[in-house]
């Protein structure tokens, strides 16, 4: 019984890993509705900083976007895009806490939209080495 319950949990929350290239919206990784979390890393490079972009379709409701388990100082940006045109209609909203404190953004969707999430080195304190993270999206009540 316990094993079947564990398997049900893993089946409903499929693990996703970041796929490169995903620097900007046209190359963004799609987060499937069942996943709601993805593991990635920001590669340190003095010349061309790494940016990771993800998107997912949101139905009306309240959502929390979190960067957790940070190993470097990273920031989370959230843009809201029109479902038909892809144009930015909201944001950017930025969470940039000091050091490896979790980053959290809350957003309430009134219609069906795309959420475009961007993970990058802190705007104030760029990373000095590759930083790993988990990006998690939760629907909240």
Protein backbone atom coordinates (compact mmCIF):
# COMPACT_ATOMS: atom_id res chain seq x y z
CA UNK A 1 0.00 0.00 0.00
CA UNK A 2 2.78 2.44 0.91
CA UNK A 3 4.70 1.66 -2.29
CA UNK A 4 1.63 2.30 -4.44
CA UNK A 5 1.02 5.63 -2.68
CA UNK A 6 4.64 6.70 -3.31
CA UNK A 7 4.33 5.73 -6.98
CA UNK A 8 1.11 7.78 -7.27
CA UNK A 9 2.87 10.84 -5.84
CA UNK A 10 5.79 10.52 -8.30
CA UNK A 11 3.44 9.95 -11.24
CA UNK A 12 1.47 13.09 -10.44
CA UNK A 13 4.59 15.25 -10.03
CA UNK A 14 6.82 14.35 -12.93
CA UNK A 15 10.47 15.45 -12.50
CA UNK A 16 11.76 17.75 -15.21
CA UNK A 17 15.30 18.88 -15.91
CA UNK A 18 16.28 22.09 -17.66
CA UNK A 19 17.20 21.70 -21.35
CA UNK A 20 19.70 24.08 -23.00
CA UNK A 21 19.54 26.37 -24.89
CA UNK A 22 16.80 28.20 -23.01
CA UNK A 23 18.14 31.72 -22.63
CA UNK A 24 15.14 33.65 -23.96
CA UNK A 25 11.41 33.14 -24.48
CA UNK A 26 11.55 31.63 -28.00
CA UNK A 27 13.81 28.86 -26.64
CA UNK A 28 12.14 28.59 -23.22
CA UNK A 29 11.54 25.15 -21.74
CA UNK A 30 7.85 24.34 -21.38
CA UNK A 31 6.82 23.08 -17.96
CA UNK A 32 4.03 20.53 -18.49
CA UNK A 33 0.95 21.05 -16.26
CA UNK A 34 1.60 17.88 -14.24
CA UNK A 35 5.24 18.71 -13.46
CA UNK A 36 5.08 22.03 -11.67
CA UNK A 37 8.80 21.80 -10.80
CA UNK A 38 12.06 21.72 -12.69
CA UNK A 39 15.72 21.45 -11.72
CA UNK A 40 18.30 23.67 -13.38
CA UNK A 41 21.54 25.54 -13.00
CA UNK A 42 22.95 28.91 -13.92
CA UNK A 43 26.43 28.47 -15.37
CA UNK A 44 28.93 31.07 -14.24
CA UNK A 45 30.57 32.94 -17.12
CA UNK A 46 32.12 36.44 -16.84
CA UNK A 47 31.57 37.21 -20.53
CA UNK A 48 28.08 35.89 -21.26
CA UNK A 49 25.95 35.23 -18.17
CA UNK A 50 23.58 32.25 -18.32
CA UNK A 51 19.82 32.83 -18.24
CA UNK A 52 17.23 30.05 -17.97
CA UNK A 53 13.72 30.64 -19.34
CA UNK A 54 10.63 28.53 -18.75
CA UNK A 55 6.96 28.94 -19.53
CA UNK A 56 3.66 27.30 -18.74
CA UNK A 57 0.01 27.94 -19.41
CA UNK A 58 -1.97 29.14 -16.41
CA UNK A 59 -5.71 28.80 -15.92
CA UNK A 60 -7.49 31.40 -13.78
CA UNK A 61 -6.30 31.08 -10.19
CA UNK A 62 -3.59 32.09 -7.73
CA UNK A 63 -0.04 30.76 -8.20
CA UNK A 64 3.23 30.83 -6.31
CA UNK A 65 6.52 30.68 -8.24
CA UNK A 66 9.50 29.69 -6.08
CA UNK A 67 13.23 29.21 -6.53
CA UNK A 68 14.34 26.82 -3.80
CA UNK A 69 17.46 24.87 -2.78
CA UNK A 70 19.72 27.59 -4.20
CA UNK A 71 23.47 26.97 -4.14
CA UNK A 72 24.32 30.51 -5.39
CA UNK A 73 22.73 33.96 -5.28
CA UNK A 74 20.08 33.87 -8.05
CA UNK A 75 16.99 35.89 -8.92
CA UNK A 76 13.58 35.01 -10.36
CA UNK A 77 11.73 37.17 -12.89
CA UNK A 78 8.09 36.61 -13.91
CA UNK A 79 6.51 37.94 -17.09
CA UNK A 80 2.89 37.34 -18.09
CA UNK A 81 2.25 36.78 -21.80
CA UNK A 82 -0.91 36.89 -23.87
CA UNK A 83 -2.05 33.38 -24.78
CA UNK A 84 -2.74 34.33 -28.43
CA UNK A 85 0.07 36.72 -29.33
CA UNK A 86 2.82 35.87 -26.83
CA UNK A 87 3.23 39.59 -26.11
CA UNK A 88 4.17 40.61 -22.57
CA UNK A 89 1.06 41.93 -20.81
CA UNK A 90 2.37 41.91 -17.23
CA UNK A 91 5.65 42.19 -15.39
CA UNK A 92 8.41 41.84 -14.98
CA UNK A 93 7.97 41.00 -11.31
CA UNK A 94 11.31 40.35 -9.63
CA UNK A 95 12.39 38.44 -6.52
CA UNK A 96 16.05 38.95 -5.63
CA UNK A 97 16.79 38.11 -2.01
CA UNK A 98 20.35 38.14 -0.71
CA UNK A 99 22.50 35.02 -0.91
CA UNK A 100 20.72 31.66 -1.11
CA UNK A 101 17.39 32.73 0.41
CA UNK A 102 14.42 31.27 -1.51
CA UNK A 103 12.87 33.55 -4.14
CA UNK A 104 9.05 33.70 -4.21
CA UNK A 105 6.57 35.52 -6.47
CA UNK A 106 2.78 35.25 -6.17
CA UNK A 107 0.50 35.94 -9.15
CA UNK A 108 -3.27 35.75 -9.67
CA UNK A 109 -4.36 34.90 -13.22
CA UNK A 110 -7.80 36.23 -14.15
CA UNK A 111 -7.79 34.62 -17.62
CA UNK A 112 -5.77 31.92 -19.38
CA UNK A 113 -2.22 33.28 -19.87
CA UNK A 114 1.37 32.12 -20.26
CA UNK A 115 3.68 32.55 -17.27
CA UNK A 116 7.24 33.17 -18.48
CA UNK A 117 9.77 32.59 -15.71
CA UNK A 118 13.39 33.67 -16.02
CA UNK A 119 16.17 32.53 -13.66
CA UNK A 120 19.49 34.35 -13.68
CA UNK A 121 22.29 35.55 -11.45
CA UNK A 122 21.30 38.13 -8.88
CA UNK A 123 20.94 41.61 -10.38
CA UNK A 124 22.95 43.11 -7.54
CA UNK A 125 25.34 40.27 -6.86
CA UNK A 126 26.12 38.11 -9.94
CA UNK A 127 27.15 34.53 -9.08
CA UNK A 128 30.82 33.69 -8.87
CA UNK A 129 30.29 30.01 -9.63
CA UNK A 130 27.64 27.75 -11.16
CA UNK A 131 24.46 27.77 -9.08
CA UNK A 132 21.85 25.04 -8.93
CA UNK A 133 18.17 25.52 -8.12
CA UNK A 134 14.70 24.03 -8.18
CA UNK A 135 11.94 26.11 -9.80
CA UNK A 136 8.59 25.18 -8.32
CA UNK A 137 5.11 26.38 -9.33
CA UNK A 138 2.22 25.82 -6.90
CA UNK A 139 -1.44 26.65 -7.21
CA UNK A 140 -2.55 28.23 -3.95
CA UNK A 141 -5.99 28.94 -2.55
